[in-house]
Protein backbone atom coordinates (compact mmCIF):
# COMPACT_ATOMS: atom_id res chain seq x y z
CA UNK A 1 -21.17 15.07 -1.93
CA UNK A 2 -20.62 16.25 2.09
CA UNK A 3 -17.81 17.22 2.66
CA UNK A 4 -16.09 18.49 6.69
CA UNK A 5 -12.54 20.05 6.72
CA UNK A 6 -10.49 18.88 8.93
CA UNK A 7 -6.41 19.45 9.43
CA UNK A 8 -3.97 16.94 9.39
CA UNK A 9 -2.90 17.55 12.83
CA UNK A 10 -6.57 17.00 13.16
CA UNK A 11 -6.90 13.72 11.18
CA UNK A 12 -4.12 12.27 13.10
CA UNK A 13 -5.62 13.35 16.21
CA UNK A 14 -8.88 11.30 15.15
CA UNK A 15 -6.90 8.26 14.09
CA UNK A 16 -5.00 7.80 16.87
CA UNK A 17 -8.13 8.50 19.37
CA UNK A 18 -10.06 5.65 17.29
CA UNK A 19 -7.15 3.11 17.84
CA UNK A 20 -6.34 3.43 21.49
CA UNK A 21 -9.90 3.02 22.08
CA UNK A 22 -9.81 -0.12 19.42
CA UNK A 23 -6.75 -1.96 21.79
CA UNK A 24 -3.72 -0.17 20.02
CA UNK A 25 -0.93 1.07 22.55
CA UNK A 26 0.55 4.57 21.51
CA UNK A 27 3.13 3.36 19.27
CA UNK A 28 0.86 0.92 16.93
CA UNK A 29 -1.78 3.63 17.23
CA UNK A 30 1.16 6.41 16.09
CA UNK A 31 1.79 4.46 12.44
CA UNK A 32 -1.28 3.89 12.19
CA UNK A 33 -2.31 7.47 12.21
CA UNK A 34 1.50 8.71 10.42
CA UNK A 35 0.66 5.95 7.65
CA UNK A 36 -3.39 7.20 6.59
CA UNK A 37 -2.39 11.34 7.30
CA UNK A 38 0.01 10.39 4.75
CA UNK A 39 -2.31 9.79 2.59
CA UNK A 40 -4.95 12.14 3.23
CA UNK A 41 -2.11 14.68 2.69
CA UNK A 42 -1.45 13.06 -0.70
CA UNK A 43 -4.37 12.72 -1.85
CA UNK A 44 -4.38 8.92 -1.84
CA UNK A 45 -8.29 8.35 0.08
CA UNK A 46 -8.23 5.50 -0.75
CA UNK A 47 -5.83 4.59 1.43
CA UNK A 48 -6.18 7.24 4.10
CA UNK A 49 -9.49 8.03 6.15
CA UNK A 50 -11.72 5.37 4.53
CA UNK A 51 -9.48 2.77 6.41
CA UNK A 52 -10.24 3.81 9.38
CA UNK A 53 -13.18 1.16 10.27
CA UNK A 54 -11.53 -1.85 8.42
CA UNK A 55 -9.02 -1.54 10.87
CA UNK A 56 -10.91 -1.28 13.71
CA UNK A 57 -12.90 -4.11 12.61
CA UNK A 58 -9.67 -6.49 12.91
CA UNK A 59 -9.12 -5.02 16.26
CA UNK A 60 -12.51 -5.52 17.51
CA UNK A 61 -12.26 -9.19 16.15
CA UNK A 62 -8.53 -10.21 18.15
CA UNK A 63 -7.25 -10.74 14.23
CA UNK A 64 -4.70 -8.41 14.78
CA UNK A 65 -2.88 -7.76 18.05
CA UNK A 66 -2.96 -3.64 18.51
CA UNK A 67 -0.03 -3.58 21.37
CA UNK A 68 2.75 -6.40 19.09
CA UNK A 69 6.02 -5.81 18.76
CA UNK A 70 7.82 -6.74 16.40
CA UNK A 71 11.14 -8.43 16.18
CA UNK A 72 13.64 -7.86 14.02
CA UNK A 73 16.53 -10.91 12.15
CA UNK A 74 18.89 -10.37 9.85
CA UNK A 75 19.16 -13.44 8.45
CA UNK A 76 22.50 -13.11 6.24
CA UNK A 77 24.44 -8.83 5.80
CA UNK A 78 21.34 -8.20 3.08
CA UNK A 79 18.61 -10.21 4.14
CA UNK A 80 16.47 -9.28 7.51
CA UNK A 81 13.36 -10.52 8.17
CA UNK A 82 10.57 -8.86 10.41
CA UNK A 83 7.91 -10.84 11.97
CA UNK A 84 4.71 -8.71 13.61
CA UNK A 85 3.44 -11.03 15.62
CA UNK A 86 -0.07 -10.13 14.38
CA UNK A 87 0.51 -6.77 13.90
CA UNK A 88 -0.40 -3.77 11.59
CA UNK A 89 2.58 -3.37 9.30
CA UNK A 90 3.08 -0.51 9.55
CA UNK A 91 5.05 -0.95 12.93
CA UNK A 92 7.23 -3.61 10.80
CA UNK A 93 7.77 -1.34 8.63
CA UNK A 94 9.48 1.22 11.10
CA UNK A 95 11.02 -1.73 12.08
CA UNK A 96 12.98 -3.08 9.61
CA UNK A 97 13.60 -0.28 6.78
CA UNK A 98 16.15 1.51 9.17
CA UNK A 99 17.79 -1.40 9.04
CA UNK A 100 17.67 -2.72 5.25
CA UNK A 101 18.31 1.33 4.24
CA UNK A 102 21.65 0.32 6.01
CA UNK A 103 22.69 -3.25 4.66
CA UNK A 104 22.53 -2.07 0.99
CA UNK A 105 24.12 1.07 1.51
CA UNK A 106 26.97 -0.69 3.15
CA UNK A 107 26.46 -4.17 0.97
CA UNK A 108 24.66 -2.53 -2.37
CA UNK A 109 21.35 -4.82 -2.33
CA UNK A 110 19.69 -5.84 0.66
CA UNK A 111 15.90 -7.65 1.25
CA UNK A 112 13.45 -7.16 3.85
CA UNK A 113 10.50 -9.98 4.05
CA UNK A 114 7.85 -8.82 6.56
CA UNK A 115 5.40 -12.26 7.72
CA UNK A 116 3.22 -12.13 10.24
CA UNK A 117 1.39 -8.87 9.68
CA UNK A 118 -1.79 -7.65 7.91
CA UNK A 119 -1.01 -5.09 5.56
CA UNK A 120 -3.82 -2.32 4.61
CA UNK A 121 -1.94 0.80 3.57
CA UNK A 122 -0.24 2.23 0.16
CA UNK A 123 2.94 0.78 -0.84
CA UNK A 124 4.47 4.00 -1.55
CA UNK A 125 5.69 5.08 2.01
CA UNK A 126 7.81 1.90 1.96
CA UNK A 127 9.91 3.05 -1.31
CA UNK A 128 9.81 6.50 -0.66
CA UNK A 129 11.54 5.96 2.67
CA UNK A 130 13.96 4.36 0.31
CA UNK A 131 14.33 6.52 -2.16
CA UNK A 132 14.89 9.24 -0.13
CA UNK A 133 17.95 7.95 1.38
CA UNK A 134 19.69 7.39 -1.88
CA UNK A 135 17.94 4.24 -2.34
CA UNK A 136 16.06 2.41 -5.57
CA UNK A 137 13.10 0.80 -3.67
CA UNK A 138 11.16 -1.92 -4.81
CA UNK A 139 7.93 -2.79 -2.65
CA UNK A 140 5.06 -5.40 -3.20
CA UNK A 141 2.21 -7.77 -1.73
CA UNK A 142 -0.63 -9.64 -1.98
CA UNK A 143 -4.16 -9.68 -0.21
CA UNK A 144 -6.77 -12.01 -0.28
CA UNK A 145 -8.46 -13.34 -3.54
CA UNK A 146 -10.66 -10.60 -5.84
CA UNK A 147 -9.05 -10.78 -9.10
CA UNK A 148 -9.23 -13.14 -11.67
CA UNK A 149 -6.11 -14.21 -14.02
CA UNK A 150 -6.60 -13.57 -17.35
CA UNK A 151 -9.62 -15.58 -19.40
CA UNK A 152 -11.13 -16.90 -15.74
CA UNK A 153 -13.81 -15.62 -14.32
CA UNK A 154 -12.89 -16.38 -11.43
CA UNK A 155 -10.84 -15.02 -8.72
CA UNK A 156 -7.76 -16.10 -7.48
CA UNK A 157 -4.81 -13.14 -6.84
CA UNK A 158 -4.83 -9.97 -4.53
CA UNK A 159 -5.39 -6.65 -5.81
CA UNK A 160 -1.24 -6.77 -5.79
CA UNK A 161 -0.23 -4.28 -5.59
CA UNK A 162 3.64 -2.73 -6.43
CA UNK A 163 5.36 0.35 -5.81
CA UNK A 164 8.93 1.20 -7.65
CA UNK A 165 10.25 4.71 -5.69
CA UNK A 166 13.88 5.75 -7.48
CA UNK A 167 16.03 8.47 -6.25
CA UNK A 168 16.51 12.38 -7.70
CA UNK A 169 19.01 14.27 -5.26
CA UNK A 170 17.96 17.79 -4.95
CA UNK A 171 14.48 16.39 -6.33
CA UNK A 172 11.45 14.89 -4.95
CA UNK A 173 12.24 11.08 -6.57
CA UNK A 174 10.62 9.27 -8.97
CA UNK A 175 7.94 7.28 -6.89
CA UNK A 176 4.56 4.53 -7.80
CA UNK A 177 2.45 2.66 -6.22
CA UNK A 178 -0.57 0.85 -8.17
CA UNK A 179 -2.68 -2.19 -8.06
CA UNK A 180 -1.55 -5.09 -10.63
CA UNK A 181 -5.77 -5.04 -10.90
CA UNK A 182 -7.07 -3.13 -12.94
CA UNK A 183 -8.35 -0.35 -10.17
CA UNK A 184 -7.68 -1.06 -6.34
CA UNK A 185 -10.39 -2.31 -4.95
CA UNK A 186 -10.49 1.06 -2.53
CA UNK A 187 -11.25 3.01 -5.29
CA UNK A 188 -13.75 0.42 -6.38
CA UNK A 189 -15.48 0.90 -2.82
CA UNK A 190 -15.18 4.58 -3.62
CA UNK A 191 -16.72 5.00 -6.53
CA UNK A 192 -20.16 2.34 -5.69
CA UNK A 193 -20.44 4.62 -2.52
CA UNK A 194 -19.98 8.32 -4.63
CA UNK A 195 -22.22 6.74 -7.74
CA UNK A 196 -19.67 6.88 -9.85
CA UNK A 197 -19.42 4.70 -12.85
CA UNK A 198 -15.62 3.00 -13.57
CA UNK A 199 -14.57 2.76 -17.15
CA UNK A 200 -14.87 -0.56 -18.94
CA UNK A 201 -12.85 -3.16 -18.28
CA UNK A 202 -12.21 -3.30 -15.14
CA UNK A 203 -14.45 -6.24 -13.71
CA UNK A 204 -17.09 -8.67 -14.25
CA UNK A 205 -20.40 -8.57 -12.35
CA UNK A 206 -21.70 -12.10 -10.41
CA UNK A 207 -21.94 -14.02 -13.82
CA UNK A 208 -19.11 -13.10 -15.49
CA UNK A 209 -20.65 -10.02 -17.15
CA UNK A 210 -18.56 -6.88 -18.08
CA UNK A 211 -19.40 -4.07 -16.40
CA UNK A 212 -18.38 -0.65 -15.92
CA UNK A 213 -20.98 -0.22 -12.07
CA UNK A 214 -18.74 -0.63 -9.43
CA UNK A 215 -21.31 -2.29 -6.51
CA UNK A 216 -21.37 -5.49 -9.51
CA UNK A 217 -17.12 -5.70 -9.40
CA UNK A 218 -17.50 -5.96 -5.64
CA UNK A 219 -19.37 -8.39 -5.27
CA UNK A 220 -17.87 -10.29 -8.74
CA UNK A 221 -14.34 -9.76 -10.13
CA UNK A 222 -11.63 -7.21 -10.84
CA UNK A 223 -9.90 -7.98 -13.83
CA UNK A 224 -6.02 -7.95 -14.59
CA UNK A 225 -4.72 -4.59 -16.11
CA UNK A 226 -3.41 -5.07 -19.91
CA UNK A 227 -4.41 -8.46 -19.78
CA UNK A 228 -2.26 -11.45 -19.27
CA UNK A 229 0.64 -8.99 -19.19
CA UNK A 230 -0.96 -7.67 -16.30
CA UNK A 231 -1.84 -11.21 -14.81
CA UNK A 232 1.87 -12.77 -15.20
CA UNK A 233 3.08 -9.58 -13.05
CA UNK A 234 0.07 -10.08 -10.65
CA UNK A 235 1.53 -13.86 -10.22
CA UNK A 236 4.53 -12.44 -9.80
CA UNK A 237 4.04 -10.84 -6.77
CA UNK A 238 1.76 -13.59 -5.22
CA UNK A 239 5.08 -15.87 -5.39
CA UNK A 240 7.10 -12.84 -4.85
CA UNK A 241 5.28 -11.76 -1.09
CA UNK A 242 4.42 -15.27 -0.11
CA UNK A 243 6.03 -17.18 -2.02
CA UNK A 244 9.36 -15.53 -1.17
CA UNK A 245 8.10 -15.28 2.03
CA UNK A 246 6.83 -18.37 3.21
CA UNK A 247 3.41 -16.18 3.94
CA UNK A 248 0.23 -16.94 2.61
CA UNK A 249 -0.63 -16.57 -0.91
CA UNK A 250 -3.94 -14.79 -2.14
CA UNK A 251 -5.60 -17.42 -1.62
CA UNK A 252 -4.72 -18.80 1.26
CA UNK A 253 -5.38 -15.74 3.25
CA UNK A 254 -9.35 -15.94 2.49
CA UNK A 255 -8.79 -19.96 3.89
CA UNK A 256 -7.78 -18.76 7.17
CA UNK A 257 -9.24 -15.36 7.65
CA UNK A 258 -12.23 -14.94 10.02
CA UNK A 259 -14.09 -12.54 7.52
CA UNK A 260 -14.03 -9.75 10.05
CA UNK A 261 -13.55 -7.04 7.29
CA UNK A 262 -10.53 -6.33 8.49
CA UNK A 263 -6.95 -6.89 6.43
CA UNK A 264 -5.73 -10.66 6.61
CA UNK A 265 -2.78 -12.08 7.28
CA UNK A 266 0.12 -11.86 4.45
CA UNK A 267 3.29 -11.03 3.88
CA UNK A 268 5.16 -8.23 1.95
CA UNK A 269 8.88 -7.65 0.09
CA UNK A 270 10.62 -5.00 -0.05
CA UNK A 271 13.88 -4.50 -2.16
CA UNK A 272 16.56 -2.05 -1.14
CA UNK A 273 19.27 -1.80 -4.10
CA UNK A 274 22.54 1.04 -4.06
CA UNK A 275 22.85 2.84 -7.24
CA UNK A 276 26.63 4.50 -5.75
CA UNK A 277 28.07 1.03 -5.50
CA UNK A 278 25.88 -0.56 -8.37
CA UNK A 279 26.77 2.34 -10.78
CA UNK A 280 28.98 4.52 -9.09
CA UNK A 281 29.09 8.17 -8.57
CA UNK A 282 28.29 9.38 -12.00
CA UNK A 283 24.61 7.99 -11.83
CA UNK A 284 22.58 11.29 -10.44
CA UNK A 285 23.94 13.17 -13.45
CA UNK A 286 23.58 9.99 -16.36
CA UNK A 287 19.75 9.23 -14.81
CA UNK A 288 18.40 13.22 -15.24
CA UNK A 289 19.02 13.35 -18.71
CA UNK A 290 17.03 10.96 -19.16
CA UNK A 291 14.54 12.51 -16.39
CA UNK A 292 15.00 15.95 -18.23
CA UNK A 293 14.15 13.75 -21.73
CA UNK A 294 10.62 12.18 -20.13
CA UNK A 295 9.92 15.93 -19.09
CA UNK A 296 10.16 17.61 -22.24
CA UNK A 297 7.73 15.42 -24.07
CA UNK A 298 4.51 16.73 -24.29
CA UNK A 299 1.41 15.02 -21.68
CA UNK A 300 4.02 13.41 -19.48
CA UNK A 301 4.02 13.39 -16.02
CA UNK A 302 6.64 11.61 -13.41
CA UNK A 303 5.13 9.34 -12.01
CA UNK A 304 4.73 10.69 -8.64
CA UNK A 305 4.38 14.40 -9.11
CA UNK A 306 0.85 14.53 -8.41
CA UNK A 307 0.95 13.70 -4.87
CA UNK A 308 4.24 15.68 -3.90
CA UNK A 309 2.78 18.37 -5.23
CA UNK A 310 -0.33 17.38 -3.45
CA UNK A 311 1.68 17.28 0.08
CA UNK A 312 3.01 20.53 -0.73
CA UNK A 313 -0.55 21.99 1.00
CA UNK A 314 -0.54 21.99 4.37
CA UNK A 315 -3.91 23.74 4.76
CA UNK A 316 -7.40 21.42 5.37
CA UNK A 317 -8.81 18.48 3.60
CA UNK A 318 -12.05 17.68 2.60
CA UNK A 319 -13.66 14.49 3.84
CA UNK A 320 -16.23 12.27 3.89
CA UNK A 321 -18.97 13.81 6.11
CA UNK A 322 -21.03 10.00 6.10
CA UNK A 323 -16.81 8.63 6.82
CA UNK A 324 -16.08 10.88 9.66
CA UNK A 325 -19.35 9.95 11.47
CA UNK A 326 -19.22 6.33 11.38
CA UNK A 327 -15.16 6.55 12.54
CA UNK A 328 -16.31 9.02 14.94
CA UNK A 329 -18.63 6.19 16.25
CA UNK A 330 -15.91 3.91 16.72
CA UNK A 331 -14.19 5.59 19.48
CA UNK A 332 -16.70 3.46 22.39
C-alpha cells in the first residue's frame, strides 16, 4: 500500500479546505476537521480521513446542512437537548457538552440528547471530554442496519457503538469506544480495500454463510460480538439512542435515507456522572487501587492506553495515497 506522510496540521487544513468547498461554513468545517484529525492522531484511521468522502456525499446531496446552527434546550436542570437542525454531529456536541458537564458537576448526573444530527465519527471524543473534566461519561448512537440480531441472518441493528470513560486525576482516563458489532463497518471497508481477511465470526455473506472475506460481509451482514450478549447490548443502544431521544431507529434511518452514501440522520445519548458528588471525595484513591491491580496483571492494557500513547507522537502520519488522491479530487 502506497502512503504519503502528512503532518496533523496538514491533515486538518486539507479537511477544512474540502469541507468549505462542499458547502460547510467555517464553524462546521472546523468541527469536522477537529474530530477527524484527532482520529488520525490517535491511530483511529477508520474514523479519520477515511470518512471524508462520506461527509462530502452527504453535503453534495443536500441531506446534511453544512451551515446548520444547533440549538440547546435545558428541558430540566439535568436533561439537555441539542437539535442539530440537520448538521454533522461534532458541532452539536461542541454546543451541548459544556452544558452537560456543568449540569453534572452541579447536580451529580446529567443527560444530553442529540437529535437531528448525522453521526459519522468516533464516540470517544465525547466521553473523554467529560473524563477530562472529572466526570464519568457514557455515549451511544445507532446507525443504519448492518448487523443481524443473534439467531438471524437479516440486518436490523446498526453497528451501534458505545463509549465509556472514567476520569483519573493526574493520569489519562480509562476510555473505550467499541462497536457492538463484531467489527466496525469502517474497519470492514478498510480490510476489504487492503485485501485482508477478518476473523471468523465477523459476519455472513449475502446467502447467510459465514465468511472471512470483508468484501462479502459488506454485501451481507455483520454479526454482534459475543452472540446473544452483544446482540442484547446492541438492542440497548437502539433504545437509548433512538427510543430515548425520539430519533430514528436504525431501520427507520435506512427507510428515510436518500442513499447518497453519507451518514443517515439519527440521535445520540450522552450521560455524565460526577464521582465527586456520587462517591465522595475519596474516590480517586479508591479507584486507583483497583487500576493498580489491573496494571499488575501480565498482558492487561487499560482501555484507551494505546490511543493515548499514539497521540504523544506529534510527527507526520502515513496516509493511504489512493485515499488522499480521492480527497484532493473533492475540492472543486
